[in-house]
Amino acid sequence: MWLGERITDRGIGNGISIIIMVGIVARLPHAFLTEFNTRIHSSGGFLMLLVELIFLFLVFAATIALVQGTRKIPVQYTRRVYGNRQYGGNTSFIPLKINAANVMPIIFAQALMMFPLLFAQFDATRGIAGTFSNMQGFWYNFVFAALIIIFTYFYTTVVINPTAMAEEMKKSGGFIPGVQPGKKTADFIDTIMSRITLPGSIFLALVGIMPALAMICGITNQFAQFFGGTSLLIVVGVVLDTLQQIETFLINRHYK
């Protein structure tokens, strides 16, 4: 934590997040070499390795779209005159992220899915505990995906407060065109948020179970971890946030 704070103070980006990201990325060369050695000794290995890399690129691209995806709600501000000056009258927007919960639903779901693994130590071959101890099994991934969707809605409800947003907008003289200020605005934002959270939660669930699907397809365990899960979301989120801060720093420097 001390080193992370030093990076934040003297550099760009969140230092602790950068350290976590580097720890994840540092495992990638060894995982890739393991997958390469496994494929090179099998027939058609180079073709399969090429397909895996293309699919990994597509997964990264789709995850970037998920992290950056927003629904922009237009907001119009009324004109106010103070003395000889006029304020307001401009148009802005509220950016509602498709994945406002980020990586937290996967972490919550993984924490709950650890309980069957604890009971499976006593009976790993029979019963519900044994069924949910198989991370590549259908029921494990089905329940895991369902928990991610549920926690996405739960965490989004905690993070996004439509009532507070509507009240703040009303105080500043803003309104959504065609929607009455106050409760109508809060209901409108809540409806939009519920609609965009559904596809976001489903895609987040796919990201969560993607490592298991990759292992089912024959990819090694180490390399499969980069096809989804918390590792992928952390790497993409930290890199995008760092690039945005670098871009802001450069713009401010040229502006001065």
Protein backbone atom coordinates (compact mmCIF):
# COMPACT_ATOMS: atom_id res chain seq x y z
CA MET A 1 0.00 0.00 0.00
CA TRP A 2 2.90 2.37 0.74
CA LEU A 3 4.43 1.68 -2.67
CA GLY A 4 1.04 2.18 -4.32
CA GLU A 5 0.64 5.55 -2.62
CA ARG A 6 4.10 6.61 -3.83
CA ILE A 7 3.14 5.68 -7.41
CA THR A 8 -0.09 7.65 -7.12
CA ASP A 9 1.67 10.73 -5.72
CA ARG A 10 4.59 10.76 -8.16
CA GLY A 11 3.06 9.20 -11.24
CA ILE A 12 -0.19 8.76 -13.14
CA GLY A 13 -2.99 6.42 -12.18
CA ASN A 14 -3.98 4.49 -9.08
CA GLY A 15 -0.77 2.99 -7.71
CA ILE A 16 -2.36 0.01 -5.93
CA SER A 17 -4.40 -0.89 -9.02
CA ILE A 18 -1.27 -0.69 -11.18
CA ILE A 19 0.59 -3.05 -8.84
CA ILE A 20 -2.30 -5.54 -8.95
CA MET A 21 -2.46 -5.28 -12.76
CA VAL A 22 1.29 -5.85 -13.12
CA GLY A 23 1.01 -8.91 -10.88
CA ILE A 24 -1.65 -10.32 -13.21
CA VAL A 25 0.13 -9.45 -16.47
CA ALA A 26 3.41 -10.90 -15.15
CA ARG A 27 1.83 -14.37 -15.29
CA LEU A 28 0.94 -14.03 -18.97
CA PRO A 29 4.34 -14.96 -20.54
CA HIS A 30 4.64 -18.18 -18.52
CA ALA A 31 0.99 -19.08 -19.22
CA PHE A 32 1.48 -18.46 -22.95
CA LEU A 33 4.67 -20.56 -23.07
CA THR A 34 2.86 -23.40 -21.28
CA GLU A 35 0.02 -23.24 -23.81
CA PHE A 36 2.53 -23.03 -26.69
CA ASN A 37 4.43 -26.11 -25.50
CA THR A 38 1.16 -27.99 -25.11
CA ARG A 39 -0.05 -27.13 -28.61
CA ILE A 40 3.26 -27.68 -30.39
CA HIS A 41 3.27 -31.39 -29.48
CA SER A 42 -0.24 -31.99 -30.84
CA SER A 43 -1.50 -32.24 -34.41
CA GLY A 44 -2.79 -28.95 -35.75
CA GLY A 45 -1.40 -27.18 -32.71
CA PHE A 46 -0.29 -24.01 -34.48
CA LEU A 47 -3.71 -23.51 -36.04
CA MET A 48 -5.44 -24.00 -32.70
CA LEU A 49 -3.01 -21.59 -31.03
CA LEU A 50 -3.77 -18.99 -33.69
CA VAL A 51 -7.51 -19.45 -33.16
CA GLU A 52 -7.02 -19.05 -29.40
CA LEU A 53 -5.09 -15.79 -29.83
CA ILE A 54 -7.74 -14.40 -32.20
CA PHE A 55 -10.49 -15.35 -29.76
CA LEU A 56 -8.50 -13.78 -26.89
CA PHE A 57 -8.22 -10.56 -28.89
CA LEU A 58 -11.99 -10.55 -29.50
CA VAL A 59 -12.65 -11.15 -25.80
CA PHE A 60 -10.43 -8.20 -24.89
CA ALA A 61 -12.18 -5.99 -27.45
CA ALA A 62 -15.63 -6.97 -26.17
CA THR A 63 -14.55 -6.37 -22.56
CA ILE A 64 -13.28 -2.90 -23.46
CA ALA A 65 -16.66 -2.17 -25.07
CA LEU A 66 -18.38 -3.37 -21.88
CA VAL A 67 -16.22 -1.21 -19.60
CA GLN A 68 -16.55 1.92 -21.75
CA GLY A 69 -20.17 1.45 -22.83
CA THR A 70 -22.46 4.25 -21.63
CA ARG A 71 -26.00 5.44 -22.25
CA LYS A 72 -26.06 9.23 -22.51
CA ILE A 73 -29.26 10.89 -21.25
CA PRO A 74 -29.58 14.50 -22.49
CA VAL A 75 -30.11 17.21 -19.86
CA GLN A 76 -31.26 20.76 -20.63
CA TYR A 77 -30.52 23.58 -18.18
CA THR A 78 -32.79 26.60 -17.86
CA ARG A 79 -31.43 30.09 -18.45
CA ARG A 80 -30.85 32.31 -15.44
CA VAL A 81 -29.93 36.00 -15.47
CA TYR A 82 -27.88 37.48 -12.61
CA GLY A 83 -27.20 41.18 -13.18
CA ASN A 84 -25.76 41.58 -16.65
CA ARG A 85 -24.72 37.94 -16.99
CA GLN A 86 -26.67 34.97 -18.24
CA TYR A 87 -26.10 31.47 -16.87
CA GLY A 88 -27.38 28.10 -18.01
CA GLY A 89 -29.25 27.41 -21.19
CA ASN A 90 -26.74 24.81 -22.29
CA THR A 91 -27.27 21.11 -22.99
CA SER A 92 -25.38 18.38 -21.23
CA PHE A 93 -25.87 14.65 -20.63
CA ILE A 94 -25.78 12.06 -17.85
CA PRO A 95 -23.48 9.13 -18.71
CA LEU A 96 -24.98 5.90 -17.33
CA LYS A 97 -22.48 3.06 -17.56
CA ILE A 98 -23.67 -0.30 -18.83
CA ASN A 99 -21.46 -2.01 -16.26
CA ALA A 100 -21.64 0.34 -13.30
CA ALA A 101 -20.79 -2.49 -10.88
CA ASN A 102 -17.47 -3.22 -12.60
CA VAL A 103 -15.75 -6.33 -11.18
CA MET A 104 -17.57 -6.47 -7.82
CA PRO A 105 -20.40 -8.89 -8.84
CA ILE A 106 -17.85 -11.52 -9.91
CA ILE A 107 -15.98 -11.14 -6.61
CA PHE A 108 -19.20 -11.50 -4.59
CA ALA A 109 -20.29 -14.53 -6.63
CA GLN A 110 -16.89 -16.20 -6.25
CA ALA A 111 -17.05 -15.68 -2.50
CA LEU A 112 -20.42 -17.45 -2.27
CA MET A 113 -19.30 -20.27 -4.56
CA MET A 114 -16.48 -21.07 -2.12
CA PHE A 115 -18.92 -22.53 0.43
CA PRO A 116 -19.74 -25.68 -1.63
CA LEU A 117 -15.99 -26.25 -2.03
CA LEU A 118 -15.59 -26.28 1.74
CA PHE A 119 -18.32 -28.90 2.17
CA ALA A 120 -16.98 -30.89 -0.78
CA GLN A 121 -13.86 -31.72 1.22
CA PHE A 122 -15.94 -34.15 3.26
CA ASP A 123 -17.82 -35.69 0.34
CA ALA A 124 -16.42 -34.75 -3.07
CA THR A 125 -18.09 -37.55 -5.03
CA ARG A 126 -21.76 -37.36 -4.06
CA GLY A 127 -24.37 -34.78 -3.22
CA ILE A 128 -24.78 -31.11 -4.02
CA ALA A 129 -21.38 -30.16 -2.59
CA GLY A 130 -19.65 -32.58 -4.93
CA THR A 131 -21.59 -31.24 -7.90
CA PHE A 132 -20.66 -27.63 -7.18
CA SER A 133 -17.02 -28.48 -6.52
CA ASN A 134 -16.48 -29.07 -10.24
CA MET A 135 -15.61 -25.63 -11.64
CA GLN A 136 -16.04 -26.91 -15.18
CA GLY A 137 -19.43 -28.45 -14.53
CA PHE A 138 -22.72 -27.14 -15.90
CA TRP A 139 -24.46 -26.44 -12.60
CA TYR A 140 -21.47 -24.67 -11.08
CA ASN A 141 -21.19 -22.25 -14.00
CA PHE A 142 -24.97 -21.85 -14.30
CA VAL A 143 -25.35 -20.84 -10.63
CA PHE A 144 -22.18 -18.74 -10.84
CA ALA A 145 -23.56 -16.81 -13.84
CA ALA A 146 -26.94 -16.36 -12.14
CA LEU A 147 -25.26 -14.96 -9.01
CA ILE A 148 -23.25 -12.52 -11.12
CA ILE A 149 -26.45 -11.22 -12.76
CA ILE A 150 -28.17 -10.86 -9.37
CA PHE A 151 -25.22 -9.10 -7.76
CA THR A 152 -24.87 -6.79 -10.76
CA TYR A 153 -28.40 -5.51 -10.20
CA PHE A 154 -27.84 -5.32 -6.45
CA TYR A 155 -24.55 -3.42 -6.65
CA THR A 156 -25.87 -1.10 -9.37
CA THR A 157 -28.83 -0.24 -7.12
CA VAL A 158 -26.44 0.59 -4.29
CA VAL A 159 -24.08 2.70 -6.44
CA ILE A 160 -26.65 4.52 -8.62
CA ASN A 161 -29.27 6.58 -6.77
CA PRO A 162 -31.81 7.94 -9.30
CA THR A 163 -33.64 9.95 -6.61
CA ALA A 164 -30.50 11.81 -5.57
CA MET A 165 -29.59 12.43 -9.21
CA ALA A 166 -33.05 13.83 -9.93
CA GLU A 167 -32.95 16.11 -6.87
CA GLU A 168 -29.48 17.39 -7.74
CA MET A 169 -30.59 18.03 -11.31
CA LYS A 170 -33.67 19.91 -10.10
CA LYS A 171 -31.61 22.11 -7.76
CA SER A 172 -29.23 23.08 -10.58
CA GLY A 173 -32.12 23.95 -12.91
CA GLY A 174 -31.70 20.96 -15.20
CA PHE A 175 -34.33 18.67 -16.67
CA ILE A 176 -34.58 15.83 -19.15
CA PRO A 177 -36.51 16.92 -22.26
CA GLY A 178 -40.00 15.44 -22.19
CA VAL A 179 -39.77 14.30 -18.55
CA GLN A 180 -41.12 16.18 -15.56
CA PRO A 181 -38.59 17.06 -12.84
CA GLY A 182 -38.67 15.23 -9.53
CA LYS A 183 -40.13 11.76 -9.16
CA LYS A 184 -40.82 11.35 -12.89
CA THR A 185 -37.15 12.02 -13.63
CA ALA A 186 -36.04 9.54 -10.96
CA ASP A 187 -38.37 6.87 -12.37
CA PHE A 188 -37.12 7.57 -15.89
CA ILE A 189 -33.46 7.19 -14.87
CA ASP A 190 -34.28 4.04 -12.89
CA THR A 191 -36.06 2.51 -15.91
CA ILE A 192 -33.16 3.30 -18.25
CA MET A 193 -30.68 1.92 -15.73
CA SER A 194 -32.64 -1.33 -15.38
CA ARG A 195 -32.78 -1.80 -19.15
CA ILE A 196 -29.07 -1.24 -19.79
CA THR A 197 -28.04 -3.29 -16.75
CA LEU A 198 -29.66 -6.46 -18.14
CA PRO A 199 -27.38 -6.89 -21.20
CA GLY A 200 -24.43 -5.65 -19.14
CA SER A 201 -25.04 -8.24 -16.43
CA ILE A 202 -25.48 -11.05 -18.96
CA PHE A 203 -22.22 -10.17 -20.69
CA LEU A 204 -20.48 -9.85 -17.30
CA ALA A 205 -21.72 -13.34 -16.46
CA LEU A 206 -20.23 -14.62 -19.72
CA VAL A 207 -16.93 -12.97 -18.81
CA GLY A 208 -17.09 -14.68 -15.42
CA ILE A 209 -17.57 -18.20 -16.79
CA MET A 210 -15.30 -17.72 -19.83
CA PRO A 211 -12.21 -19.29 -18.14
CA ALA A 212 -14.21 -22.45 -17.43
CA LEU A 213 -15.43 -22.58 -21.03
CA ALA A 214 -11.84 -22.11 -22.23
CA MET A 215 -10.64 -25.03 -20.07
CA ILE A 216 -13.47 -27.19 -21.40
CA CYS A 217 -12.22 -26.42 -24.93
CA GLY A 218 -8.77 -27.77 -24.02
CA ILE A 219 -6.91 -24.59 -23.08
CA THR A 220 -4.51 -24.93 -20.16
CA ASN A 221 -5.66 -23.67 -16.78
CA GLN A 222 -3.06 -20.89 -16.54
CA PHE A 223 -3.74 -19.46 -20.00
CA ALA A 224 -7.53 -19.83 -19.63
CA GLN A 225 -7.56 -17.37 -16.71
CA PHE A 226 -6.83 -14.53 -19.15
CA PHE A 227 -10.00 -15.25 -21.16
CA GLY A 228 -12.24 -13.78 -18.49
CA GLY A 229 -12.91 -13.40 -14.81
CA THR A 230 -11.61 -10.72 -12.47
CA SER A 231 -8.14 -10.77 -14.04
CA LEU A 232 -9.40 -9.62 -17.44
CA LEU A 233 -11.65 -6.90 -16.00
CA ILE A 234 -8.92 -5.57 -13.71
CA VAL A 235 -6.34 -5.40 -16.51
CA VAL A 236 -8.72 -3.71 -18.95
CA GLY A 237 -10.10 -1.29 -16.35
CA VAL A 238 -6.70 -0.20 -15.01
CA VAL A 239 -5.18 0.23 -18.48
CA LEU A 240 -8.13 2.31 -19.72
CA ASP A 241 -8.13 4.46 -16.58
CA THR A 242 -4.37 5.04 -16.83
CA LEU A 243 -4.58 5.95 -20.51
CA GLN A 244 -7.41 8.39 -19.77
CA GLN A 245 -5.36 10.08 -17.05
CA ILE A 246 -2.34 10.32 -19.38
CA GLU A 247 -4.51 11.87 -22.08
CA THR A 248 -5.95 14.38 -19.59
CA PHE A 249 -2.45 15.26 -18.39
CA LEU A 250 -1.23 15.86 -21.94
CA ILE A 251 -4.27 17.97 -22.82
CA ASN A 252 -3.78 20.16 -19.74
CA ARG A 253 -0.09 20.54 -20.48
CA HIS A 254 -0.70 21.65 -24.08
CA TYR A 255 -3.57 23.88 -22.95
CA LYS A 256 -1.27 25.74 -20.57
